[in-house]
Protein backbone atom coordinates (compact mmCIF):
# COMPACT_ATOMS: atom_id res chain seq x y z
CA MET A 1 27.17 -2.63 -25.74
CA SER A 2 28.51 -4.52 -28.79
CA LYS A 3 28.06 -8.27 -29.05
CA SER A 4 31.82 -8.90 -28.89
CA LEU A 5 32.27 -6.71 -25.82
CA ASN A 6 29.26 -8.31 -24.14
CA PHE A 7 30.70 -11.77 -24.84
CA ILE A 8 34.09 -10.78 -23.40
CA LEU A 9 32.43 -9.36 -20.28
CA ARG A 10 30.40 -12.54 -19.74
CA LEU A 11 33.51 -14.69 -20.21
CA PHE A 12 35.46 -12.54 -17.73
CA LEU A 13 32.69 -12.78 -15.15
CA LEU A 14 32.43 -16.54 -15.49
CA LEU A 15 36.19 -16.90 -15.02
CA ALA A 16 36.36 -14.38 -12.19
CA PHE A 17 33.40 -15.81 -10.24
CA PRO A 18 33.26 -19.56 -10.94
CA ILE A 19 31.50 -20.45 -7.66
CA PHE A 20 27.98 -20.85 -9.02
CA VAL A 21 26.08 -20.68 -12.28
CA GLY A 22 22.31 -20.75 -11.76
CA GLY A 23 19.04 -20.60 -13.66
CA MET A 24 16.40 -17.92 -14.09
CA VAL A 25 15.64 -15.89 -10.96
CA ARG A 26 13.87 -12.74 -9.79
CA VAL A 27 15.96 -10.43 -7.61
CA GLU A 28 14.16 -7.90 -5.40
CA THR A 29 16.18 -4.94 -4.12
CA GLY A 30 15.57 -2.68 -1.14
CA GLY A 31 14.36 0.11 -3.42
CA GLY A 32 11.44 -2.02 -4.65
CA ALA A 33 13.04 -2.87 -8.02
CA MET A 34 12.53 -6.37 -9.43
CA LEU A 35 15.21 -7.71 -11.80
CA LYS A 36 14.70 -10.89 -13.78
CA GLY A 37 17.54 -12.82 -15.36
CA GLU A 38 20.01 -15.67 -15.16
CA ILE A 39 22.64 -15.89 -12.45
CA LEU A 40 26.09 -16.08 -14.04
CA ALA A 41 28.08 -16.10 -10.81
CA GLU A 42 27.80 -15.70 -7.04
CA LYS A 43 30.23 -14.19 -4.55
CA ASN A 44 29.87 -13.53 -0.84
CA ASP A 45 29.35 -9.81 -1.43
CA ARG A 46 27.47 -9.77 -4.77
CA ILE A 47 25.82 -11.73 -7.54
CA VAL A 48 26.24 -11.34 -11.30
CA LEU A 49 23.00 -11.33 -13.26
CA ASP A 50 22.47 -11.65 -17.01
CA LEU A 51 19.42 -9.54 -17.94
CA GLY A 52 19.52 -10.70 -21.57
CA PHE A 53 20.63 -7.34 -22.98
CA THR A 54 23.33 -6.59 -20.43
CA VAL A 55 25.14 -8.05 -17.42
CA ILE A 56 25.14 -6.36 -14.01
CA SER A 57 26.77 -6.98 -10.64
CA ILE A 58 24.38 -6.51 -7.69
CA PRO A 59 25.76 -5.97 -4.15
CA ARG A 60 24.18 -8.39 -1.69
CA GLU A 61 23.59 -5.55 0.77
CA VAL A 62 20.83 -4.14 -1.47
CA ILE A 63 19.19 -7.50 -2.18
CA VAL A 64 16.00 -8.25 -0.25
CA ARG A 65 15.43 -11.71 -1.67
CA ILE A 66 16.11 -13.99 -4.63
CA VAL A 67 13.33 -16.19 -6.03
CA GLU A 68 14.63 -19.10 -8.08
CA ASP A 69 12.83 -21.14 -10.75
CA ASP A 70 10.94 -18.15 -12.11
CA PRO A 71 7.34 -18.95 -11.05
CA GLY A 72 5.73 -16.58 -13.55
CA GLU A 73 2.22 -15.26 -13.08
CA PRO A 74 -0.11 -17.12 -10.68
CA VAL A 75 -2.83 -19.22 -12.28
CA LEU A 76 -6.38 -18.13 -11.39
CA ARG A 77 -8.64 -21.15 -10.96
CA ALA A 78 -12.41 -20.65 -11.15
CA THR A 79 -14.73 -22.21 -8.58
CA ASP A 80 -18.43 -23.03 -8.71
CA ASP A 81 -19.18 -20.00 -6.52
CA LEU A 82 -18.23 -17.13 -8.89
CA TYR A 83 -14.88 -16.33 -7.29
CA ARG A 84 -11.35 -17.33 -8.30
CA VAL A 85 -8.43 -18.64 -6.25
CA ALA A 86 -4.75 -18.21 -7.10
CA GLU A 87 -2.38 -21.11 -7.58
CA GLY A 88 1.35 -20.47 -7.40
CA ALA A 89 1.02 -16.89 -6.12
CA GLU A 90 4.32 -15.43 -4.92
CA THR A 91 5.05 -12.51 -2.61
CA LEU A 92 5.65 -9.36 -4.65
CA PRO A 93 6.55 -5.73 -3.92
CA LEU A 94 3.57 -3.57 -2.97
CA ARG A 95 3.85 -1.23 -5.94
CA ASN A 96 3.77 -4.16 -8.38
CA LEU A 97 0.65 -5.53 -6.70
CA VAL A 98 -1.13 -2.17 -6.73
CA ASP A 99 -0.56 -1.84 -10.47
CA SER A 100 -1.91 -5.31 -11.21
CA LEU A 101 -4.81 -5.37 -8.72
CA GLY A 102 -6.01 -1.77 -8.94
CA PRO A 103 -8.15 -2.21 -12.10
CA ALA A 104 -10.37 -4.73 -10.26
CA VAL A 105 -11.22 -2.29 -7.43
CA VAL A 106 -14.24 -0.04 -8.02
CA MET A 107 -16.17 2.82 -6.47
CA VAL A 108 -19.79 2.11 -5.51
CA ARG A 109 -22.16 5.09 -5.30
CA THR A 110 -25.75 5.49 -4.17
CA PRO A 111 -27.87 8.65 -3.77
CA THR A 112 -26.94 8.74 -0.08
CA GLY A 113 -23.30 7.72 0.00
CA LEU A 114 -20.36 5.86 -1.48
CA GLY A 115 -18.15 2.88 -0.82
CA SER A 116 -15.75 0.56 -2.55
CA GLY A 117 -15.97 -2.90 -4.08
CA PHE A 118 -14.06 -5.38 -6.21
CA PHE A 119 -14.70 -7.72 -9.12
CA ILE A 120 -14.67 -11.44 -8.36
CA HIS A 121 -15.91 -12.60 -11.78
CA PRO A 122 -15.06 -11.30 -15.28
CA ASP A 123 -18.76 -11.08 -16.19
CA GLY A 124 -19.19 -8.14 -13.81
CA TYR A 125 -19.94 -9.60 -10.38
CA ILE A 126 -18.82 -7.32 -7.55
CA ILE A 127 -18.49 -7.66 -3.78
CA THR A 128 -19.18 -4.75 -1.42
CA ASN A 129 -20.69 -4.19 2.04
CA ASP A 130 -24.42 -4.52 2.61
CA HIS A 131 -24.44 -1.22 4.51
CA VAL A 132 -23.09 0.56 1.39
CA ILE A 133 -26.17 -0.31 -0.70
CA ALA A 134 -28.82 -1.11 1.95
CA GLY A 135 -32.20 0.45 1.14
CA GLU A 136 -31.04 1.82 -2.21
CA ASN A 137 -32.24 0.93 -5.70
CA GLU A 138 -30.06 3.38 -7.64
CA ILE A 139 -26.51 2.06 -7.63
CA THR A 140 -23.64 3.09 -9.89
CA VAL A 141 -20.23 1.46 -10.20
CA THR A 142 -17.17 3.35 -11.42
CA VAL A 143 -14.30 1.37 -12.92
CA PHE A 144 -10.84 2.93 -13.25
CA GLU A 145 -9.04 1.91 -16.42
CA ASP A 146 -5.57 2.78 -17.64
CA PRO A 147 -5.31 2.49 -21.43
CA GLY A 148 -1.77 3.88 -21.25
CA SER A 149 -2.57 7.59 -21.15
CA GLY A 150 -3.61 7.80 -17.48
CA LEU A 151 -6.58 6.66 -15.44
CA GLN A 152 -10.00 6.93 -17.05
CA LYS A 153 -13.31 6.59 -15.23
CA VAL A 154 -16.02 4.41 -16.74
CA THR A 155 -19.33 4.50 -14.87
CA PHE A 156 -22.01 1.80 -15.12
CA GLU A 157 -25.54 2.63 -14.00
CA ASN A 158 -27.35 -0.65 -14.69
CA VAL A 159 -26.29 -2.39 -11.47
CA ALA A 160 -28.39 -5.05 -9.73
CA VAL A 161 -28.20 -6.43 -6.20
CA VAL A 162 -27.94 -10.22 -6.57
CA ALA A 163 -27.63 -11.17 -2.89
CA SER A 164 -27.20 -9.41 0.43
CA SER A 165 -26.76 -10.21 4.10
CA PRO A 166 -27.03 -7.50 6.76
CA GLU A 167 -25.76 -9.98 9.36
CA MET A 168 -22.53 -10.59 7.47
CA ASP A 169 -22.52 -7.06 6.00
CA LEU A 170 -21.89 -8.44 2.52
CA ALA A 171 -23.58 -7.80 -0.82
CA LEU A 172 -23.12 -9.29 -4.28
CA LEU A 173 -23.75 -6.88 -7.18
CA ALA A 174 -23.82 -7.46 -10.92
CA ILE A 175 -23.35 -5.01 -13.77
CA ARG A 176 -26.01 -5.74 -16.38
CA ASP A 177 -26.02 -5.34 -20.18
CA VAL A 178 -22.26 -5.61 -20.66
CA GLU A 179 -22.19 -8.70 -22.89
CA GLY A 180 -18.78 -9.29 -24.39
CA ARG A 181 -16.94 -7.18 -21.83
CA VAL A 182 -14.41 -8.89 -19.56
CA PHE A 183 -13.59 -7.25 -16.24
CA GLU A 184 -10.35 -7.62 -14.28
CA THR A 185 -10.79 -9.76 -11.17
CA VAL A 186 -8.93 -10.47 -7.94
CA PRO A 187 -8.63 -13.91 -6.29
CA LEU A 188 -9.83 -14.79 -2.81
CA GLY A 189 -7.32 -16.12 -0.30
CA ASP A 190 -7.64 -18.22 2.83
CA SER A 191 -8.19 -15.96 5.86
CA ASN A 192 -7.41 -18.90 8.15
CA ASP A 193 -3.79 -18.53 7.09
CA LEU A 194 -3.53 -14.98 8.42
CA ARG A 195 -1.12 -14.40 11.29
CA SER A 196 -0.51 -11.44 13.56
CA GLY A 197 2.21 -9.20 12.15
CA GLN A 198 1.59 -10.26 8.56
CA PRO A 199 1.71 -7.34 6.06
CA VAL A 200 -1.59 -6.41 4.38
CA PHE A 201 -2.85 -3.45 2.36
CA ALA A 202 -6.15 -1.91 1.30
CA ILE A 203 -7.25 -0.31 -1.95
CA GLY A 204 -10.42 1.77 -2.04
CA SER A 205 -12.03 5.20 -2.28
CA PRO A 206 -11.85 6.80 1.17
CA MET A 207 -13.79 10.08 1.14
CA GLY A 208 -14.19 9.58 -2.61
CA LEU A 209 -10.43 9.61 -3.26
CA GLU A 210 -10.35 6.73 -5.73
CA ARG A 211 -7.57 4.15 -5.94
CA SER A 212 -6.13 5.13 -2.54
CA VAL A 213 -3.70 2.61 -1.03
CA SER A 214 -2.89 2.11 2.64
CA GLU A 215 -0.71 -0.58 4.16
CA GLY A 216 -0.24 -2.10 7.57
CA ILE A 217 -0.14 -5.40 9.39
CA VAL A 218 -2.63 -7.87 10.81
CA SER A 219 -3.12 -7.01 14.47
CA ILE A 220 -5.19 -10.11 15.15
CA ALA A 221 -6.80 -12.44 12.64
CA ASN A 222 -9.97 -13.27 14.62
CA ARG A 223 -11.33 -10.37 16.60
CA PRO A 224 -14.91 -10.95 17.85
CA ILE A 225 -17.08 -7.81 17.62
CA ASN A 226 -20.84 -7.87 18.13
CA GLY A 227 -20.99 -11.62 17.60
CA ARG A 228 -18.95 -11.60 14.37
CA LEU A 229 -15.30 -12.38 13.73
CA HIS A 230 -13.21 -9.70 12.04
CA VAL A 231 -9.66 -9.30 10.82
CA GLN A 232 -8.17 -6.41 12.77
CA ALA A 233 -5.47 -4.57 10.83
CA THR A 234 -3.52 -1.32 11.01
CA ALA A 235 -4.05 -0.46 7.32
CA GLN A 236 -5.82 2.90 7.50
CA ILE A 237 -9.44 2.91 6.32
CA SER A 238 -11.95 5.76 6.24
CA PRO A 239 -15.53 6.34 5.10
CA GLY A 240 -15.56 5.24 1.46
CA ASN A 241 -13.28 2.24 2.04
CA SER A 242 -16.28 0.11 3.01
CA GLY A 243 -16.63 -2.90 0.76
CA GLY A 244 -13.09 -2.62 -0.56
CA PRO A 245 -10.54 -5.43 -0.45
CA LEU A 246 -7.87 -6.11 2.14
CA PHE A 247 -5.00 -7.89 0.37
CA ASN A 248 -2.03 -9.99 1.42
CA LEU A 249 1.31 -9.60 -0.41
CA GLN A 250 0.41 -12.49 -2.71
CA GLY A 251 -2.35 -10.35 -4.20
CA GLU A 252 -5.20 -12.33 -2.62
CA VAL A 253 -8.24 -10.80 -0.94
CA VAL A 254 -8.11 -11.86 2.71
CA GLY A 255 -10.84 -9.54 3.97
CA VAL A 256 -13.57 -7.04 3.07
CA ASN A 257 -13.05 -3.72 4.86
CA ASN A 258 -16.17 -2.65 6.72
CA MET A 259 -15.49 -0.55 9.81
CA LYS A 260 -13.01 1.19 12.10
CA VAL A 261 -12.88 2.33 15.71
CA VAL A 262 -13.84 5.97 16.22
CA ALA A 263 -12.64 7.27 19.57
CA MET A 264 -10.40 9.99 20.92
CA GLY A 265 -6.80 8.95 20.32
CA ALA A 266 -7.70 5.76 18.41
CA GLU A 267 -5.64 5.25 15.26
CA GLY A 268 -5.00 2.30 12.98
CA LEU A 269 -7.90 0.20 14.27
CA GLY A 270 -9.57 -1.05 11.11
CA PHE A 271 -11.63 -4.20 10.69
CA ALA A 272 -12.48 -6.45 7.77
CA ILE A 273 -14.82 -9.38 7.19
CA PRO A 274 -12.63 -12.50 6.74
CA ALA A 275 -12.36 -13.90 3.21
CA ASN A 276 -13.64 -17.28 4.37
CA VAL A 277 -16.87 -15.65 5.55
CA LEU A 278 -17.19 -14.12 2.09
CA LYS A 279 -16.70 -17.56 0.52
CA PHE A 280 -19.49 -18.92 2.72
CA PHE A 281 -21.75 -16.06 1.62
CA LEU A 282 -21.03 -16.77 -2.06
CA SER A 283 -21.48 -20.52 -1.66
CA ASN A 284 -24.93 -19.89 -0.14
CA ARG A 285 -25.88 -16.85 -2.20
CA ASP A 286 -29.24 -18.36 -3.14
CA ALA A 287 -30.22 -18.21 0.53
CA PHE A 288 -29.41 -14.50 0.52
CA ALA A 289 -30.98 -13.78 -2.88
CA PHE A 290 -32.25 -10.22 -3.12
CA ASP A 291 -35.83 -9.55 -4.22
CA PRO A 292 -36.46 -5.82 -4.79
CA THR A 293 -40.21 -6.35 -4.31
CA ASN A 294 -39.74 -7.88 -0.87
CA PRO A 295 -37.94 -5.88 1.82
CA ASN A 296 -37.38 -9.12 3.73
CA ALA A 297 -35.79 -10.93 0.79
CA GLY A 298 -33.32 -13.60 1.79
CA PHE A 299 -33.00 -15.15 5.20
CA ARG A 300 -32.84 -12.71 8.11
CA TYR A 301 -31.51 -13.86 11.44
CA PRO A 302 -31.93 -12.06 14.77
CA SER A 303 -28.76 -10.43 16.06
CA PRO A 304 -27.04 -12.53 18.74
CA PRO A 305 -26.85 -10.99 22.21
CA SER A 306 -23.73 -8.98 22.89
CA ALA A 307 -21.24 -10.72 25.16
CA SER A 308 -20.51 -7.41 26.82
CA GLU A 309 -21.67 -3.85 26.67
CA ALA A 310 -18.00 -2.87 26.63
CA THR A 311 -17.48 -3.61 22.93
CA PRO A 312 -15.36 -1.08 21.01
CA ASN A 313 -17.08 2.02 19.66
CA THR A 314 -17.04 1.31 15.94
CA ASP A 315 -17.96 3.22 12.83
CA GLU A 316 -18.90 1.61 9.55
CA SER A 317 -16.60 3.25 7.06
C-alpha cells in the first residue's frame, strides 16, 4: 500500500468512526491470533486498528479481549532462593506461552527411568521429582533448543543432586561445568491464588515424547492425599511427566506434576505439588542437602498416618 493511499485510508477511517481514538493495545481473536497496534476508531460492531504497516477493521464478534496500555514482557525478579517470580505477567494464548516456556522444560533420564524437569535459575538449576532420581547416581538432562531450524537435543551428563526430599517428592539438580552458558528459566507463581475451574497446562515428556503439551483446569487447589496437599487438575499426565511444570496462563509454574489416579474408568485425575511447597523446599534447601556418601542425607521425617485407608489409588507418573 502506497504512503498516500495509506494516509487517505487512515483519514477516511478517522472521519467515518470518530467515536474513540485510543493508545497501543493487544487484540486477541478467537483463532488465537494476537494483533498489536493503535486503535484508530471504535464502533459497536468493530474496531479499527493501525498495525504500523497497514490498517485493518476487526469485527467484534471475533475478538476475545483487548488489553490496553501494552504491558510488554513480564519482568522476572530474582529471589534469594534460586527461583524467579514474574512481575506484570499478563494472560496470553496457550500457543504463545508454549513457544516461550518450552525451552526451559527438560527431560531427566536415569538408568532405570525418565521424567521431566524445568530450569529455575539460568546457571543450570533444575527442579524435578525425588522419585525420578531416587537411588540413582547417573543422571542426564536433555535440553530442547530451537536455533531456527527445528528442535535440537542437547544432553548434559554432568548432573548433580543438590537437595532432595522424599516426603515432598522434590529434588533440586544442577548441571555442572557449563560456565558461561545461560539457560532459559520459568518463574514460580503463587499456588494460593489457584481457584477451581482455572485453566492450567502441563509441558513434559510423557512416555519419552518430549515437549508434549496438555491442558485442563484446576479441579481443586488443595487436595489432601497421604498427608500432603496437591493441586488436582484435569491436564493429562502420564509416566514421564513427573517433575514437569504445571503452568497457569500467565506463564507461571503453579505446581510440579508428580502422580495420577490409575483405576478402571478414571481419566483426567492428575496431581501436582503446589508451587508454594516448592518455594518452601528451596528456601530450606540446606536442610535437604544431598550427600552421595550418606544414604540418609538431609532430614528424613516419618510418614504421617493415613487419615483413611480409602485414599485414591495413585500412580507416580
